[in-house]
N, C-alpha and C. Protein backbone atom coordinates (compact mmCIF):
# COMPACT_ATOMS: atom_id res chain seq x y z
N MET A 1 31.09 18.05 3.28
CA MET A 1 30.64 17.52 2.31
C MET A 1 29.53 17.04 1.43
N LEU A 2 30.01 15.39 2.06
CA LEU A 2 29.74 14.42 1.86
C LEU A 2 28.27 14.31 2.36
N LEU A 3 28.22 15.15 3.90
CA LEU A 3 26.47 15.38 4.38
C LEU A 3 25.82 16.01 3.58
N SER A 4 25.97 16.78 3.45
CA SER A 4 25.30 17.48 2.54
C SER A 4 24.92 17.14 0.60
N SER A 5 25.49 16.34 0.52
CA SER A 5 24.97 16.34 -0.61
C SER A 5 24.44 14.80 -0.51
N ALA A 6 24.04 14.22 0.77
CA ALA A 6 23.69 12.12 1.04
C ALA A 6 22.36 12.49 0.40
N PRO A 7 21.41 13.73 1.15
CA PRO A 7 19.68 13.64 0.52
C PRO A 7 19.34 13.18 -0.89
N ASP A 8 20.73 14.03 -2.07
CA ASP A 8 20.06 13.92 -3.10
C ASP A 8 20.49 12.38 -3.69
N LEU A 9 21.19 11.33 -2.50
CA LEU A 9 20.79 9.90 -3.00
C LEU A 9 19.98 9.28 -2.54
N MET A 10 19.04 9.71 -1.64
CA MET A 10 17.59 9.33 -1.44
C MET A 10 16.50 9.28 -2.52
N PRO A 11 15.70 8.48 -3.05
CA PRO A 11 14.75 7.87 -3.32
C PRO A 11 13.34 9.26 -3.10
N THR A 12 12.87 9.67 -3.83
CA THR A 12 11.73 10.64 -3.56
C THR A 12 10.36 10.03 -3.98
N LEU A 13 9.29 9.61 -2.91
CA LEU A 13 7.58 8.96 -3.09
C LEU A 13 7.51 9.58 -4.46
N ALA A 14 6.25 8.60 -5.42
CA ALA A 14 6.12 9.24 -6.52
C ALA A 14 4.82 8.28 -7.10
N ARG A 15 4.13 8.11 -7.89
CA ARG A 15 3.74 7.52 -8.03
C ARG A 15 4.01 6.23 -8.58
N GLY A 16 3.39 4.69 -9.25
CA GLY A 16 3.81 4.16 -10.43
C GLY A 16 4.94 3.50 -10.13
N LYS A 17 5.94 2.93 -10.91
CA LYS A 17 6.71 2.22 -11.19
C LYS A 17 7.92 3.17 -11.41
N HIS A 18 9.25 2.77 -11.20
CA HIS A 18 10.29 3.71 -11.57
C HIS A 18 11.04 2.57 -11.31
N ARG A 19 12.40 3.12 -12.92
CA ARG A 19 13.40 1.76 -13.01
C ARG A 19 14.52 1.91 -12.21
N SER A 20 14.90 3.58 -11.63
CA SER A 20 15.97 3.02 -10.61
C SER A 20 15.65 4.38 -9.77
N PRO A 21 16.38 4.41 -8.30
CA PRO A 21 16.18 6.15 -7.54
C PRO A 21 16.00 7.16 -7.78
N LYS A 22 16.57 7.60 -8.88
CA LYS A 22 17.19 8.43 -9.69
C LYS A 22 15.99 9.13 -10.20
N GLN A 23 14.75 8.20 -10.28
CA GLN A 23 13.97 8.25 -10.96
C GLN A 23 12.21 8.85 -10.03
N GLY A 24 12.92 8.13 -8.83
CA GLY A 24 11.88 8.13 -7.90
C GLY A 24 11.75 7.15 -7.24
N ALA A 25 11.08 6.98 -6.45
CA ALA A 25 10.38 5.54 -5.69
C ALA A 25 8.91 5.20 -5.81
N CYS A 26 7.93 4.36 -5.73
CA CYS A 26 7.17 3.89 -5.14
C CYS A 26 7.30 3.73 -3.67
N PHE A 27 6.54 3.37 -2.74
CA PHE A 27 6.55 2.44 -1.09
C PHE A 27 7.46 1.60 -1.10
N MET A 28 7.23 0.90 -2.35
CA MET A 28 7.32 -0.20 -2.13
C MET A 28 8.74 -0.42 -2.93
N GLU A 29 9.58 0.28 -3.61
CA GLU A 29 10.60 0.05 -3.56
C GLU A 29 11.51 1.13 -3.03
N PHE A 30 10.92 2.15 -2.36
CA PHE A 30 12.08 2.38 -1.58
C PHE A 30 12.33 1.46 -0.18
N ALA A 31 11.26 0.32 0.03
CA ALA A 31 11.41 -0.07 1.03
C ALA A 31 12.16 -1.49 0.18
N SER A 32 12.60 -1.44 -0.77
CA SER A 32 13.65 -2.71 -1.29
C SER A 32 14.91 -1.58 -1.01
N TYR A 33 14.51 -0.67 -1.33
CA TYR A 33 16.33 -0.10 -1.21
C TYR A 33 16.72 0.21 0.29
N LEU A 34 15.92 0.11 1.12
CA LEU A 34 16.21 0.43 2.49
C LEU A 34 16.39 -0.90 2.78
N ALA A 35 15.76 -2.26 2.26
CA ALA A 35 16.55 -3.47 2.41
C ALA A 35 17.75 -4.68 1.84
N GLY A 36 18.49 -3.24 0.93
CA GLY A 36 18.99 -3.26 0.37
C GLY A 36 19.44 -4.73 -0.69
N GLU A 37 17.60 -5.19 -0.93
CA GLU A 37 17.28 -5.87 -2.27
C GLU A 37 17.34 -5.24 -3.04
N ARG A 38 17.74 -6.08 -4.35
CA ARG A 38 17.18 -5.99 -5.80
C ARG A 38 16.24 -5.05 -6.05
N TRP A 39 16.36 -3.73 -6.58
CA TRP A 39 15.07 -2.44 -6.63
C TRP A 39 13.99 -3.53 -7.68
N SER A 40 12.97 -3.18 -6.61
CA SER A 40 11.68 -3.48 -6.88
C SER A 40 10.49 -3.24 -6.12
N ASP A 41 9.58 -3.19 -6.61
CA ASP A 41 7.45 -2.81 -5.75
C ASP A 41 7.28 -3.92 -5.51
N HIS A 42 8.38 -5.10 -5.82
CA HIS A 42 7.76 -6.45 -5.28
C HIS A 42 9.21 -7.51 -4.42
N PRO A 43 9.53 -6.73 -3.00
CA PRO A 43 10.82 -7.15 -2.62
C PRO A 43 10.48 -8.58 -1.68
N SER A 44 10.98 -9.29 -1.69
CA SER A 44 10.44 -10.20 -0.58
C SER A 44 11.00 -10.00 0.80
N CYS A 45 10.97 -8.76 1.38
CA CYS A 45 11.60 -8.25 2.63
C CYS A 45 9.87 -7.58 3.06
N THR A 46 8.86 -8.09 2.22
CA THR A 46 7.69 -7.57 2.91
C THR A 46 6.56 -8.40 2.57
N HIS A 47 5.49 -9.03 3.94
CA HIS A 47 4.56 -9.99 2.83
C HIS A 47 3.70 -8.95 2.18
N GLY A 48 3.44 -10.06 0.97
CA GLY A 48 3.03 -9.51 -0.38
C GLY A 48 1.70 -8.84 0.29
N ALA A 49 0.48 -8.84 1.52
CA ALA A 49 -0.58 -8.44 0.77
C ALA A 49 -0.33 -7.00 1.73
N ILE A 50 0.77 -6.59 2.58
CA ILE A 50 0.61 -5.45 3.14
C ILE A 50 1.48 -5.11 2.04
N ALA A 51 2.42 -5.61 1.00
CA ALA A 51 2.66 -4.47 0.06
C ALA A 51 2.07 -4.08 -1.03
N ALA A 52 1.10 -4.98 -1.37
CA ALA A 52 -0.12 -4.52 -2.30
C ALA A 52 -0.77 -3.31 -1.70
N LEU A 53 -1.11 -3.29 -0.13
CA LEU A 53 -1.81 -2.41 0.46
C LEU A 53 -1.08 -0.56 0.78
N ALA A 54 0.13 -1.04 0.35
CA ALA A 54 2.16 -0.04 0.63
C ALA A 54 1.48 1.00 -1.04
N ARG A 55 1.50 -0.55 -2.39
CA ARG A 55 1.10 0.04 -3.52
C ARG A 55 0.49 1.11 -3.76
N ASP A 56 -0.83 0.35 -3.27
CA ASP A 56 -2.34 1.02 -4.05
C ASP A 56 -2.50 2.32 -2.91
N ILE A 57 -1.92 2.27 -2.10
CA ILE A 57 -2.16 4.06 -0.81
C ILE A 57 -0.65 4.80 -1.35
N ASN A 58 0.16 4.20 -1.83
CA ASN A 58 1.38 4.87 -2.49
C ASN A 58 0.16 5.64 -3.26
N ASP A 59 -0.43 5.20 -4.71
CA ASP A 59 -0.33 5.79 -5.89
C ASP A 59 -1.81 6.45 -5.85
N LEU A 60 -2.88 5.84 -5.07
CA LEU A 60 -3.90 6.87 -4.65
C LEU A 60 -4.06 7.89 -3.57
N SER A 61 -3.35 8.01 -2.99
CA SER A 61 -2.78 9.96 -2.12
C SER A 61 -2.57 11.01 -2.94
N SER A 62 -2.61 11.52 -2.60
CA SER A 62 -2.29 12.77 -3.14
C SER A 62 -0.30 13.56 -3.10
N ASP A 63 -0.16 14.23 -3.03
CA ASP A 63 1.28 14.26 -3.37
C ASP A 63 1.32 14.62 -2.02
N ASP A 64 1.03 15.53 -1.07
CA ASP A 64 1.94 15.57 0.62
C ASP A 64 1.07 14.46 0.92
N GLY A 65 -0.09 13.96 0.42
CA GLY A 65 -0.41 12.89 1.34
C GLY A 65 0.86 11.36 1.61
N ARG A 66 1.28 11.48 0.17
CA ARG A 66 2.29 10.24 -0.17
C ARG A 66 3.47 10.54 0.99
N ALA A 67 3.20 12.08 0.54
CA ALA A 67 5.18 12.25 1.47
C ALA A 67 4.81 11.68 2.83
N ARG A 68 3.74 11.98 3.41
CA ARG A 68 3.87 11.24 4.71
C ARG A 68 3.90 10.44 4.61
N LEU A 69 3.34 9.17 3.71
CA LEU A 69 3.96 8.14 4.39
C LEU A 69 5.56 7.50 4.83
N THR A 70 6.62 8.79 4.04
CA THR A 70 7.83 7.70 4.25
C THR A 70 7.82 7.57 5.70
N SER A 71 7.08 7.93 6.76
CA SER A 71 7.92 7.55 7.81
C SER A 71 7.49 5.91 8.66
N LEU A 72 6.69 5.58 7.71
CA LEU A 72 6.26 4.08 7.74
C LEU A 72 7.26 2.96 6.57
N ILE A 73 7.92 3.50 5.99
CA ILE A 73 8.69 2.27 5.28
C ILE A 73 9.39 1.92 5.23
N HIS A 74 10.65 2.13 6.34
CA HIS A 74 11.10 1.43 7.72
C HIS A 74 10.77 -0.19 8.10
N ARG A 75 9.06 0.03 8.81
CA ARG A 75 8.18 -0.34 9.17
C ARG A 75 8.29 -1.55 8.40
N VAL A 76 7.90 -1.76 7.76
CA VAL A 76 7.29 -2.84 6.25
C VAL A 76 8.48 -3.97 5.87
N VAL A 77 10.21 -3.47 6.11
CA VAL A 77 11.06 -4.12 5.73
C VAL A 77 10.33 -5.33 6.81
N GLY A 78 10.91 -6.18 6.36
CA GLY A 78 11.36 -8.03 7.42
C GLY A 78 9.38 -8.01 8.45
N LEU A 79 8.98 -7.23 7.26
CA LEU A 79 7.49 -7.90 7.66
C LEU A 79 6.63 -9.02 7.27
N THR A 80 7.25 -9.80 7.37
CA THR A 80 6.61 -11.24 6.45
C THR A 80 6.06 -12.23 7.69
N SER A 81 5.42 -13.15 6.94
CA SER A 81 4.86 -14.04 7.87
C SER A 81 4.15 -15.04 6.93
N ASP A 82 4.41 -15.94 7.21
CA ASP A 82 3.96 -18.04 6.97
C ASP A 82 2.71 -18.29 7.12
N ASP A 83 1.77 -17.89 8.44
CA ASP A 83 0.59 -17.58 7.99
C ASP A 83 -0.35 -18.03 6.87
N PRO A 84 -0.60 -18.71 6.61
CA PRO A 84 -1.53 -19.20 5.42
C PRO A 84 -2.68 -17.58 5.32
N GLY A 85 -3.43 -16.63 6.85
CA GLY A 85 -4.55 -16.35 6.87
C GLY A 85 -3.81 -15.03 7.13
N PHE A 86 -2.44 -14.49 6.75
CA PHE A 86 -1.80 -13.32 7.08
C PHE A 86 -2.97 -12.63 5.84
N GLY A 87 -2.62 -13.16 4.56
CA GLY A 87 -3.23 -12.03 3.70
C GLY A 87 -4.45 -11.55 3.73
N MET A 88 -5.41 -12.51 4.04
CA MET A 88 -6.57 -12.37 4.28
C MET A 88 -6.91 -11.30 5.06
N ALA A 89 -6.18 -11.98 6.72
CA ALA A 89 -6.49 -10.77 7.83
C ALA A 89 -6.02 -9.14 7.24
N VAL A 90 -5.75 -8.99 6.26
CA VAL A 90 -4.73 -7.47 5.61
C VAL A 90 -6.18 -6.88 4.90
N ALA A 91 -6.92 -7.93 4.45
CA ALA A 91 -7.41 -7.40 3.09
C ALA A 91 -8.54 -7.17 3.76
N LEU A 92 -8.64 -8.26 4.60
CA LEU A 92 -10.61 -8.09 5.48
C LEU A 92 -10.28 -6.33 6.64
N GLN A 93 -9.09 -6.20 6.94
CA GLN A 93 -8.87 -4.45 7.91
C GLN A 93 -9.38 -4.17 6.82
N ALA A 94 -8.32 -3.77 5.06
CA ALA A 94 -8.95 -2.64 4.77
C ALA A 94 -10.24 -2.80 4.40
N ALA A 95 -11.29 -3.67 3.90
CA ALA A 95 -12.14 -3.68 3.71
C ALA A 95 -13.22 -2.97 4.46
N ARG A 96 -12.83 -3.64 6.13
CA ARG A 96 -14.03 -2.45 7.22
C ARG A 96 -13.20 -1.24 7.01
N ALA A 97 -11.99 -0.64 6.76
CA ALA A 97 -12.02 0.72 7.26
C ALA A 97 -12.66 2.09 5.91
N ALA A 98 -12.73 0.58 4.90
CA ALA A 98 -13.32 1.42 3.58
C ALA A 98 -15.24 1.20 3.10
N LEU A 99 -15.27 0.29 4.24
CA LEU A 99 -17.11 0.10 3.80
C LEU A 99 -18.14 0.96 4.23
N PRO A 100 -17.83 1.59 5.28
CA PRO A 100 -18.50 3.01 5.48
C PRO A 100 -18.80 4.52 4.53
N ILE A 101 -17.47 4.17 4.05
CA ILE A 101 -17.48 5.18 3.08
C ILE A 101 -17.56 5.09 1.17
N ALA A 102 -17.15 4.26 1.00
CA ALA A 102 -17.24 3.92 0.11
C ALA A 102 -18.19 4.24 -1.09
N SER A 103 -18.73 4.02 -2.68
CA SER A 103 -19.36 4.08 -3.36
C SER A 103 -20.19 2.84 -3.17
N MET A 104 -21.36 2.79 -3.59
CA MET A 104 -22.64 1.58 -2.92
C MET A 104 -21.61 0.26 -3.97
N GLU A 105 -21.28 0.62 -5.48
CA GLU A 105 -20.59 -0.26 -6.37
C GLU A 105 -19.87 -1.82 -5.13
N ARG A 106 -18.52 -0.17 -4.79
CA ARG A 106 -17.74 -0.69 -3.81
C ARG A 106 -18.20 -1.17 -2.41
N GLN A 107 -19.28 -0.69 -1.84
CA GLN A 107 -19.81 -1.40 -1.07
C GLN A 107 -20.19 -2.62 -1.17
N ARG A 108 -20.30 -2.57 -1.91
CA ARG A 108 -21.42 -4.15 -1.98
C ARG A 108 -19.85 -4.93 -2.30
N ALA A 109 -19.56 -4.83 -2.82
CA ALA A 109 -17.74 -5.80 -3.61
C ALA A 109 -17.44 -6.14 -1.97
N LEU A 110 -17.48 -5.20 -0.63
CA LEU A 110 -16.63 -5.44 0.19
C LEU A 110 -17.46 -6.26 1.21
N ALA A 111 -18.90 -5.68 1.08
CA ALA A 111 -19.56 -6.38 1.92
C ALA A 111 -19.85 -8.04 1.65
N VAL A 112 -19.97 -7.63 0.46
CA VAL A 112 -19.74 -9.49 -0.20
C VAL A 112 -18.08 -10.40 0.84
N ALA A 113 -17.03 -9.31 0.42
CA ALA A 113 -16.21 -9.91 0.93
C ALA A 113 -16.27 -10.21 2.41
N LEU A 114 -16.55 -9.82 3.16
CA LEU A 114 -16.45 -9.58 4.63
C LEU A 114 -17.34 -10.93 5.20
N LEU A 115 -19.03 -10.88 4.74
CA LEU A 115 -19.41 -12.09 4.86
C LEU A 115 -19.03 -13.15 4.30
N SER A 116 -17.95 -13.46 3.12
CA SER A 116 -17.77 -14.16 2.67
C SER A 116 -16.77 -15.12 3.67
N PHE A 117 -15.70 -14.06 3.82
CA PHE A 117 -14.49 -14.72 4.00
C PHE A 117 -13.87 -14.06 6.08
N ASP A 118 -15.09 -13.81 6.34
CA ASP A 118 -15.29 -13.75 8.20
C ASP A 118 -16.62 -14.38 8.65
N PRO A 119 -17.15 -15.42 7.84
CA PRO A 119 -18.67 -15.55 8.43
C PRO A 119 -18.84 -15.58 9.59
N GLU A 120 -18.07 -15.95 10.64
CA GLU A 120 -18.56 -15.78 12.27
C GLU A 120 -18.97 -14.14 12.50
N VAL A 121 -18.06 -13.49 11.34
CA VAL A 121 -18.91 -12.27 11.99
C VAL A 121 -18.35 -11.53 13.05
N GLY A 122 -16.31 -11.53 13.03
CA GLY A 122 -16.57 -11.14 14.76
C GLY A 122 -16.73 -9.21 15.13
N ALA A 123 -16.30 -9.17 15.97
CA ALA A 123 -16.41 -7.86 16.12
C ALA A 123 -16.20 -7.33 15.26
N ALA A 124 -15.19 -6.75 14.76
CA ALA A 124 -13.98 -5.76 13.66
C ALA A 124 -15.43 -6.21 12.70
N THR A 125 -15.42 -6.82 12.01
CA THR A 125 -16.44 -7.01 10.97
C THR A 125 -18.07 -6.18 11.41
N ARG A 126 -18.30 -7.03 12.59
CA ARG A 126 -19.90 -6.57 12.77
C ARG A 126 -20.12 -5.04 13.53
N SER A 127 -18.60 -4.31 13.74
CA SER A 127 -19.06 -3.05 14.04
C SER A 127 -18.96 -2.52 12.48
N ALA A 128 -18.51 -2.59 11.45
CA ALA A 128 -18.63 -1.56 10.31
C ALA A 128 -19.85 -2.38 9.23
N LEU A 129 -20.01 -3.92 9.69
CA LEU A 129 -21.11 -3.89 8.85
C LEU A 129 -23.19 -2.98 9.58
N ASP A 130 -22.74 -2.93 10.55
CA ASP A 130 -23.71 -2.19 12.34
C ASP A 130 -23.90 -0.86 11.43
N GLN A 131 -23.06 -0.41 10.76
CA GLN A 131 -23.18 1.47 10.12
C GLN A 131 -23.35 1.12 8.47
N SER A 132 -23.99 -0.37 7.91
CA SER A 132 -25.27 0.10 6.81
C SER A 132 -26.07 -1.62 6.95
N PRO A 133 -26.59 -1.79 8.06
CA PRO A 133 -27.60 -2.65 7.85
C PRO A 133 -28.20 -2.84 6.90
N ASP A 134 -28.73 -1.82 5.91
CA ASP A 134 -29.33 -2.40 4.52
C ASP A 134 -28.36 -3.11 3.63
N LEU A 135 -27.07 -2.26 3.44
CA LEU A 135 -25.73 -3.14 3.02
C LEU A 135 -25.96 -4.56 3.12
N GLU A 136 -25.65 -4.87 4.45
CA GLU A 136 -25.32 -6.51 4.68
C GLU A 136 -26.71 -7.52 4.42
N ARG A 137 -28.26 -6.69 4.77
CA ARG A 137 -29.14 -7.35 3.97
C ARG A 137 -28.81 -7.92 2.48
N TRP A 138 -28.54 -6.64 1.75
CA TRP A 138 -28.49 -7.22 0.45
C TRP A 138 -27.55 -8.00 -0.03
N ALA A 139 -26.58 -8.25 0.74
CA ALA A 139 -24.62 -8.85 0.90
C ALA A 139 -25.41 -10.29 1.00
N ARG A 140 -26.09 -10.82 2.12
CA ARG A 140 -26.74 -11.59 2.61
C ARG A 140 -27.71 -12.74 1.32
N THR A 141 -28.50 -11.54 1.02
CA THR A 141 -29.64 -12.34 -0.18
C THR A 141 -28.73 -12.82 -1.01
N TYR A 142 -27.18 -11.81 -1.85
CA TYR A 142 -26.91 -12.58 -2.72
C TYR A 142 -26.03 -13.12 -2.41
N LEU A 143 -25.27 -13.88 -1.35
CA LEU A 143 -24.75 -15.02 -1.12
C LEU A 143 -25.82 -15.71 -1.33
N ALA A 144 -26.79 -15.93 -0.73
CA ALA A 144 -27.66 -17.22 -0.95
C ALA A 144 -27.98 -16.64 -1.78
N SER A 145 -28.70 -16.58 -2.98
CA SER A 145 -28.51 -16.46 -4.32
C SER A 145 -27.18 -17.12 -5.31
N ALA A 146 -26.43 -16.78 -5.01
CA ALA A 146 -25.52 -16.16 -5.85
C ALA A 146 -24.91 -17.96 -5.75
N ARG A 147 -24.39 -18.19 -4.46
CA ARG A 147 -24.51 -19.82 -4.23
C ARG A 147 -22.77 -19.79 -4.36
N LEU A 148 -22.09 -18.49 -4.33
CA LEU A 148 -20.63 -17.87 -4.49
C LEU A 148 -19.69 -19.42 -3.58
N ARG A 149 -18.89 -19.88 -3.99
CA ARG A 149 -18.01 -20.33 -3.39
C ARG A 149 -16.71 -19.98 -3.05
N PRO A 150 -16.31 -19.18 -1.74
CA PRO A 150 -15.28 -18.05 -1.75
C PRO A 150 -13.76 -18.70 -1.72
N GLN A 151 -12.91 -17.55 -3.32
CA GLN A 151 -11.38 -18.16 -3.24
C GLN A 151 -10.72 -17.57 -2.48
N HIS A 152 -9.47 -18.28 -1.17
CA HIS A 152 -8.67 -17.69 -0.28
C HIS A 152 -7.32 -17.34 -1.31
N THR A 153 -7.27 -16.69 -2.14
CA THR A 153 -6.23 -16.80 -2.92
C THR A 153 -5.42 -15.07 -3.37
N ARG A 154 -4.07 -15.59 -3.15
CA ARG A 154 -3.37 -13.96 -3.63
C ARG A 154 -4.00 -13.15 -4.44
N ARG A 155 -4.49 -13.49 -5.56
CA ARG A 155 -5.74 -12.44 -6.25
C ARG A 155 -7.18 -12.05 -5.63
N THR A 156 -7.29 -12.97 -5.08
CA THR A 156 -8.51 -12.12 -4.53
C THR A 156 -8.48 -11.07 -3.59
N VAL A 157 -7.28 -11.61 -1.86
CA VAL A 157 -6.72 -10.56 -1.52
C VAL A 157 -6.80 -9.84 -2.11
N GLU A 158 -5.43 -9.32 -2.86
CA GLU A 158 -4.98 -8.20 -3.37
C GLU A 158 -6.32 -7.22 -4.67
N SER A 159 -7.25 -8.71 -4.96
CA SER A 159 -8.53 -7.36 -5.06
C SER A 159 -8.90 -6.40 -4.20
N ILE A 160 -9.36 -7.71 -3.06
CA ILE A 160 -10.31 -6.91 -2.02
C ILE A 160 -9.25 -5.51 -1.70
N ILE A 161 -8.61 -5.82 -1.51
CA ILE A 161 -7.65 -4.60 -0.97
C ILE A 161 -7.37 -3.24 -1.71
N HIS A 162 -7.06 -3.59 -3.37
CA HIS A 162 -7.92 -2.70 -4.28
C HIS A 162 -8.76 -2.05 -4.09
N THR A 163 -9.76 -2.79 -3.95
CA THR A 163 -11.43 -1.79 -4.24
C THR A 163 -11.70 -0.91 -2.84
N SER A 164 -10.67 -1.76 -1.83
CA SER A 164 -10.62 -0.62 -0.33
C SER A 164 -10.20 0.14 -0.76
N VAL A 165 -8.98 0.41 -1.24
CA VAL A 165 -8.07 1.28 -0.85
C VAL A 165 -9.36 2.66 -2.32
N SER A 166 -9.47 1.86 -2.88
CA SER A 166 -9.63 3.08 -4.06
C SER A 166 -11.35 3.56 -3.58
N GLY A 167 -11.97 2.29 -2.57
CA GLY A 167 -13.14 3.45 -2.22
C GLY A 167 -13.07 4.18 -1.54
N ILE A 168 -11.92 3.98 -0.49
CA ILE A 168 -11.18 5.14 0.45
C ILE A 168 -10.47 6.72 -0.50
N ALA A 169 -9.79 6.47 -1.18
CA ALA A 169 -9.53 7.33 -2.40
C ALA A 169 -9.96 7.99 -3.11
N PHE A 170 -11.59 7.32 -3.85
CA PHE A 170 -12.67 8.29 -4.77
C PHE A 170 -13.80 8.42 -3.69
N ALA A 171 -14.12 7.77 -2.26
CA ALA A 171 -14.71 8.53 -1.36
C ALA A 171 -15.05 10.05 -1.10
N CYS A 172 -16.60 10.12 -1.27
CA CYS A 172 -16.62 12.02 -1.44
C CYS A 172 -16.75 12.36 0.72
N ILE A 173 -15.61 12.65 0.53
CA ILE A 173 -14.88 13.16 2.35
C ILE A 173 -13.54 13.87 1.77
N ASP A 174 -13.55 14.77 2.91
CA ASP A 174 -11.96 15.67 2.92
C ASP A 174 -10.87 15.22 3.53
N ASP A 175 -10.91 13.68 4.50
CA ASP A 175 -9.42 13.37 4.67
C ASP A 175 -8.87 11.87 4.40
N ALA A 176 -9.49 11.83 3.38
CA ALA A 176 -9.11 10.16 2.37
C ALA A 176 -7.32 10.55 2.77
N ASP A 177 -6.71 11.24 2.29
CA ASP A 177 -5.13 11.01 2.59
C ASP A 177 -5.13 10.57 3.97
N ALA A 178 -5.56 11.33 5.48
CA ALA A 178 -5.23 10.80 6.11
C ALA A 178 -6.00 9.20 6.87
N ARG A 179 -7.40 9.11 6.44
CA ARG A 179 -7.52 7.81 6.23
C ARG A 179 -6.68 6.29 5.35
N LEU A 180 -5.86 7.21 4.46
CA LEU A 180 -5.63 6.36 3.53
C LEU A 180 -3.87 6.43 4.68
N HIS A 181 -3.74 7.21 5.30
CA HIS A 181 -2.09 6.56 6.48
C HIS A 181 -2.45 5.83 7.72
N SER A 182 -3.68 6.23 8.19
CA SER A 182 -3.86 5.45 9.59
C SER A 182 -4.39 3.86 9.08
N LEU A 183 -5.07 3.57 7.68
CA LEU A 183 -5.14 2.35 7.07
C LEU A 183 -3.74 1.91 7.27
N LEU A 184 -2.88 1.78 6.64
CA LEU A 184 -2.19 1.77 6.39
C LEU A 184 -0.46 1.57 7.65
N ARG A 185 -1.09 2.44 8.41
CA ARG A 185 -0.30 2.42 9.58
C ARG A 185 -1.00 1.23 10.90
N GLU A 186 -2.34 1.58 10.80
CA GLU A 186 -2.88 0.29 11.73
C GLU A 186 -2.86 -1.54 10.73
N ALA A 187 -2.22 -1.23 9.55
CA ALA A 187 -2.11 -3.03 9.40
C ALA A 187 -0.90 -3.29 9.24
N ILE A 188 0.63 -2.48 9.33
CA ILE A 188 1.56 -2.45 9.68
C ILE A 188 2.04 -3.21 11.16
N GLU A 189 0.51 -1.95 11.84
CA GLU A 189 0.49 -2.47 14.15
C GLU A 189 -0.36 -3.74 13.75
N ALA A 190 -1.07 -3.58 13.60
CA ALA A 190 -1.52 -5.26 13.38
C ALA A 190 -0.56 -6.47 13.17
N ALA A 191 0.41 -6.17 11.51
CA ALA A 191 1.24 -7.26 11.39
C ALA A 191 1.93 -7.48 12.19
N GLU A 192 2.47 -6.23 13.02
CA GLU A 192 3.82 -6.45 13.99
C GLU A 192 2.91 -7.51 15.00
N ASP A 193 2.05 -6.92 15.53
CA ASP A 193 1.27 -8.06 16.48
C ASP A 193 1.41 -9.62 16.76
N ALA A 194 1.03 -9.59 15.17
CA ALA A 194 0.83 -11.01 14.51
C ALA A 194 2.11 -11.63 14.86
N MET A 195 3.19 -10.97 13.97
CA MET A 195 4.18 -11.57 14.21
C MET A 195 4.94 -11.96 15.36
N ARG A 196 4.58 -11.04 16.27
CA ARG A 196 5.21 -11.00 18.08
C ARG A 196 4.48 -12.37 18.80
N THR A 197 3.69 -12.41 18.52
CA THR A 197 2.89 -13.33 19.04
C THR A 197 2.99 -14.70 18.17
N ALA A 198 3.27 -14.70 16.88
CA ALA A 198 3.69 -16.21 16.39
C ALA A 198 5.59 -16.26 17.34
N ALA A 199 5.89 -15.20 17.22
CA ALA A 199 7.15 -15.66 17.85
C ALA A 199 7.64 -16.04 19.26
N ARG A 200 6.52 -15.96 19.50
CA ARG A 200 6.13 -16.22 21.28
C ARG A 200 5.75 -17.12 21.67
N GLU A 201 5.28 -17.67 20.69
CA GLU A 201 4.38 -19.22 20.25
C GLU A 201 5.21 -20.00 19.96
N LYS A 202 6.72 -20.12 18.52
CA LYS A 202 7.67 -20.66 18.37
C LYS A 202 8.15 -21.01 19.39
N LEU A 203 8.68 -19.80 20.33
CA LEU A 203 9.68 -19.76 20.82
C LEU A 203 8.68 -20.99 22.45
N ALA A 204 7.87 -20.60 22.60
CA ALA A 204 6.99 -21.04 23.49
C ALA A 204 7.24 -22.94 23.09
N GLN A 205 6.51 -23.26 21.84
CA GLN A 205 6.74 -24.51 21.62
C GLN A 205 8.16 -25.42 21.71
N PHE A 206 9.56 -24.47 21.56
CA PHE A 206 10.99 -24.74 21.08
C PHE A 206 10.99 -25.14 23.20
N ILE A 207 10.85 -24.04 23.91
CA ILE A 207 10.81 -24.40 25.19
C ILE A 207 10.20 -25.99 25.68
N LEU A 208 9.30 -25.98 25.03
CA LEU A 208 7.91 -27.60 25.75
C LEU A 208 8.65 -28.69 24.73
N ALA A 209 9.55 -28.69 24.00
CA ALA A 209 10.24 -30.07 23.10
C ALA A 209 11.48 -29.98 23.45
N ARG A 210 11.97 -29.17 24.59
CA ARG A 210 13.06 -29.67 25.15
C ARG A 210 13.34 -30.81 26.57
């Protein structure tokens, strides 16, 4: 009897914030539930940038697409980092995914973000920009005339993420849900790789210091 009633105790993924599991859960509220934390869509068990990405993808996916996100929730529990560049790395990954398909207004904002926060234009950014060469020229001209001083803040990171996710969700494409799911999965995988690398480096430093 207990086994048959257990699933009723699990929250169901839904848009927005919820007061309790009985009313449903967004992706990050579900993560707080799994982590045993206080019910929240901003749990401490997950880095803020990954959490922002997950919340936006949860809210902008269709009902069917959101249901498929459930398999990823456990992977964000404990996914944190003290690297100051971690959040921007997540944001730029999202920007590169959205750039080729977003509306013109969002494309321009994302191109400016990529050139501002990846000024050396790494391989991944170059691949995204090469799909829209006219857009890159516009962004470089804009940056040269505007003389902006990019501010690497939490608000900037979350703004880039929201613009990116919105750009994918509202693009004139048939596979928005699949792209959003892939973006979240790939961001989680990149974060997991970064955490493993950081752990290996700390271990190496500890061994050398002995």
